[in-house]
């Protein structure tokens, strides 16, 4: 009986799977300038970058190990961070919004074209997160 009740509670808490899309904005400058601008914009919001993932370096370093000679990015970094205020707001509405944390913004360079981007979030309270990310990207572009 306890297992049935627990399963029912989990079922009610389940968030429907939603395909996330990507929002990208061209950056008029170098990859290094874009990463610097994104870092400053995140810190300028009073946030702390928890981790920087150097995805481009990893993909370039491991391509041969997995049998590929395709160069996907000239460079690509992902900045992971969280906002205590926004996270609390969205998780008070739905604790399962924890699945979206930490938030990330990426910078990618492909063939000299640099973009800054982030994923989209579900409608409702998670639009607060999307607004935060949009603001950070806008600040990085200034």
Protein backbone atom coordinates (compact mmCIF):
# COMPACT_ATOMS: atom_id res chain seq x y z
CA UNK A 1 0.00 0.00 0.00
CA UNK A 2 2.78 2.42 0.91
CA UNK A 3 4.45 1.76 -2.46
CA UNK A 4 1.20 2.50 -4.31
CA UNK A 5 0.71 5.80 -2.48
CA UNK A 6 4.34 6.75 -3.07
CA UNK A 7 4.04 5.92 -6.78
CA UNK A 8 0.87 8.01 -7.03
CA UNK A 9 2.59 10.99 -5.37
CA UNK A 10 5.55 10.70 -7.74
CA UNK A 11 3.18 10.50 -10.69
CA UNK A 12 1.47 13.72 -9.63
CA UNK A 13 4.83 15.45 -9.26
CA UNK A 14 6.10 14.33 -12.65
CA UNK A 15 6.79 17.14 -15.06
CA UNK A 16 5.93 16.34 -18.67
CA UNK A 17 9.00 16.00 -20.85
CA UNK A 18 9.36 19.01 -23.09
CA UNK A 19 11.76 19.44 -25.92
CA UNK A 20 14.09 22.30 -25.16
CA UNK A 21 15.29 24.50 -27.94
CA UNK A 22 18.34 26.69 -28.17
CA UNK A 23 18.46 30.47 -28.42
CA UNK A 24 21.64 31.79 -30.06
CA UNK A 25 22.83 35.31 -30.69
CA UNK A 26 25.77 36.18 -32.95
CA UNK A 27 28.69 37.89 -31.21
CA UNK A 28 30.66 40.48 -33.17
CA UNK A 29 34.14 39.67 -31.92
CA UNK A 30 36.48 36.87 -30.98
CA UNK A 31 35.70 33.79 -28.91
CA UNK A 32 37.94 35.15 -26.15
CA UNK A 33 36.11 38.48 -26.13
CA UNK A 34 32.75 36.67 -25.99
CA UNK A 35 33.75 34.43 -23.06
CA UNK A 36 35.12 37.46 -21.21
CA UNK A 37 31.88 39.36 -21.85
CA UNK A 38 29.70 36.44 -20.67
CA UNK A 39 31.78 35.93 -17.52
CA UNK A 40 31.53 39.64 -16.70
CA UNK A 41 27.79 39.69 -17.38
CA UNK A 42 27.17 36.71 -15.08
CA UNK A 43 29.32 38.18 -12.29
CA UNK A 44 27.73 41.57 -12.93
CA UNK A 45 24.38 40.05 -11.95
CA UNK A 46 25.90 39.14 -8.58
CA UNK A 47 26.12 35.46 -9.54
CA UNK A 48 28.99 33.03 -9.12
CA UNK A 49 30.15 30.79 -11.96
CA UNK A 50 30.22 27.32 -10.43
CA UNK A 51 31.97 25.63 -13.35
CA UNK A 52 33.24 26.35 -16.83
CA UNK A 53 33.07 23.34 -19.14
CA UNK A 54 35.59 23.51 -21.99
CA UNK A 55 33.49 21.38 -24.32
CA UNK A 56 35.26 22.47 -27.48
CA UNK A 57 38.68 21.44 -26.13
CA UNK A 58 37.30 18.09 -24.95
CA UNK A 59 35.69 17.32 -28.32
CA UNK A 60 38.85 18.28 -30.21
CA UNK A 61 41.07 16.27 -27.85
CA UNK A 62 38.96 13.10 -27.92
CA UNK A 63 37.85 12.98 -31.56
CA UNK A 64 40.48 10.48 -32.65
CA UNK A 65 39.80 8.35 -29.55
CA UNK A 66 36.21 7.83 -30.69
CA UNK A 67 37.06 7.34 -34.34
CA UNK A 68 36.17 10.79 -35.65
CA UNK A 69 38.16 13.40 -37.51
CA UNK A 70 35.31 15.94 -37.55
CA UNK A 71 36.10 19.24 -35.87
CA UNK A 72 32.77 20.43 -34.44
CA UNK A 73 33.90 23.68 -32.83
CA UNK A 74 37.00 25.80 -33.06
CA UNK A 75 36.23 26.61 -29.41
CA UNK A 76 33.25 26.17 -27.09
CA UNK A 77 32.74 26.83 -23.39
CA UNK A 78 29.68 26.44 -21.17
CA UNK A 79 29.30 28.52 -18.01
CA UNK A 80 27.26 26.92 -15.21
CA UNK A 81 25.78 29.06 -12.45
CA UNK A 82 22.72 29.48 -10.29
CA UNK A 83 20.70 32.33 -8.84
CA UNK A 84 19.59 31.77 -5.26
CA UNK A 85 16.73 34.24 -5.68
CA UNK A 86 15.35 33.00 -9.00
CA UNK A 87 15.92 29.34 -8.12
CA UNK A 88 14.00 29.74 -4.87
CA UNK A 89 11.14 31.49 -6.66
CA UNK A 90 10.73 28.77 -9.29
CA UNK A 91 11.27 25.87 -6.88
CA UNK A 92 8.75 27.21 -4.37
CA UNK A 93 6.19 26.94 -7.18
CA UNK A 94 7.38 23.47 -8.19
CA UNK A 95 10.21 21.72 -6.34
CA UNK A 96 10.85 19.56 -9.43
CA UNK A 97 12.20 22.66 -11.18
CA UNK A 98 15.42 21.53 -9.53
CA UNK A 99 15.88 19.51 -12.73
CA UNK A 100 16.71 22.77 -14.54
CA UNK A 101 19.45 23.86 -12.15
CA UNK A 102 22.22 24.90 -12.64
CA UNK A 103 21.57 27.29 -15.48
CA UNK A 104 24.01 27.64 -18.36
CA UNK A 105 25.12 29.96 -21.09
CA UNK A 106 27.46 28.82 -23.82
CA UNK A 107 29.87 30.50 -26.19
CA UNK A 108 30.79 28.67 -29.38
CA UNK A 109 33.05 29.42 -32.33
CA UNK A 110 32.50 27.56 -35.60
CA UNK A 111 34.56 28.66 -38.57
CA UNK A 112 35.09 32.12 -37.10
CA UNK A 113 31.41 32.70 -36.32
CA UNK A 114 30.97 33.23 -32.59
CA UNK A 115 27.60 32.81 -30.90
CA UNK A 116 26.33 33.12 -27.35
CA UNK A 117 23.38 30.98 -26.39
CA UNK A 118 21.28 29.13 -23.88
CA UNK A 119 18.47 26.60 -23.84
CA UNK A 120 14.82 27.58 -23.58
CA UNK A 121 12.70 26.73 -20.56
CA UNK A 122 9.08 25.62 -20.11
CA UNK A 123 6.26 28.14 -19.94
CA UNK A 124 5.22 29.33 -16.49
CA UNK A 125 7.54 30.09 -13.63
CA UNK A 126 10.65 28.93 -15.55
CA UNK A 127 10.29 31.97 -17.78
CA UNK A 128 11.92 33.87 -14.89
CA UNK A 129 15.07 31.84 -15.56
CA UNK A 130 14.85 32.45 -19.29
CA UNK A 131 14.49 36.20 -18.65
CA UNK A 132 17.59 36.09 -16.43
CA UNK A 133 19.59 34.32 -19.15
CA UNK A 134 18.31 36.66 -21.86
CA UNK A 135 19.39 39.62 -19.73
CA UNK A 136 22.86 38.18 -19.20
CA UNK A 137 23.30 37.56 -22.93
CA UNK A 138 22.07 41.08 -23.72
CA UNK A 139 24.54 42.52 -21.21
CA UNK A 140 27.38 40.47 -22.75
CA UNK A 141 26.56 41.92 -26.17
CA UNK A 142 26.81 45.56 -25.01
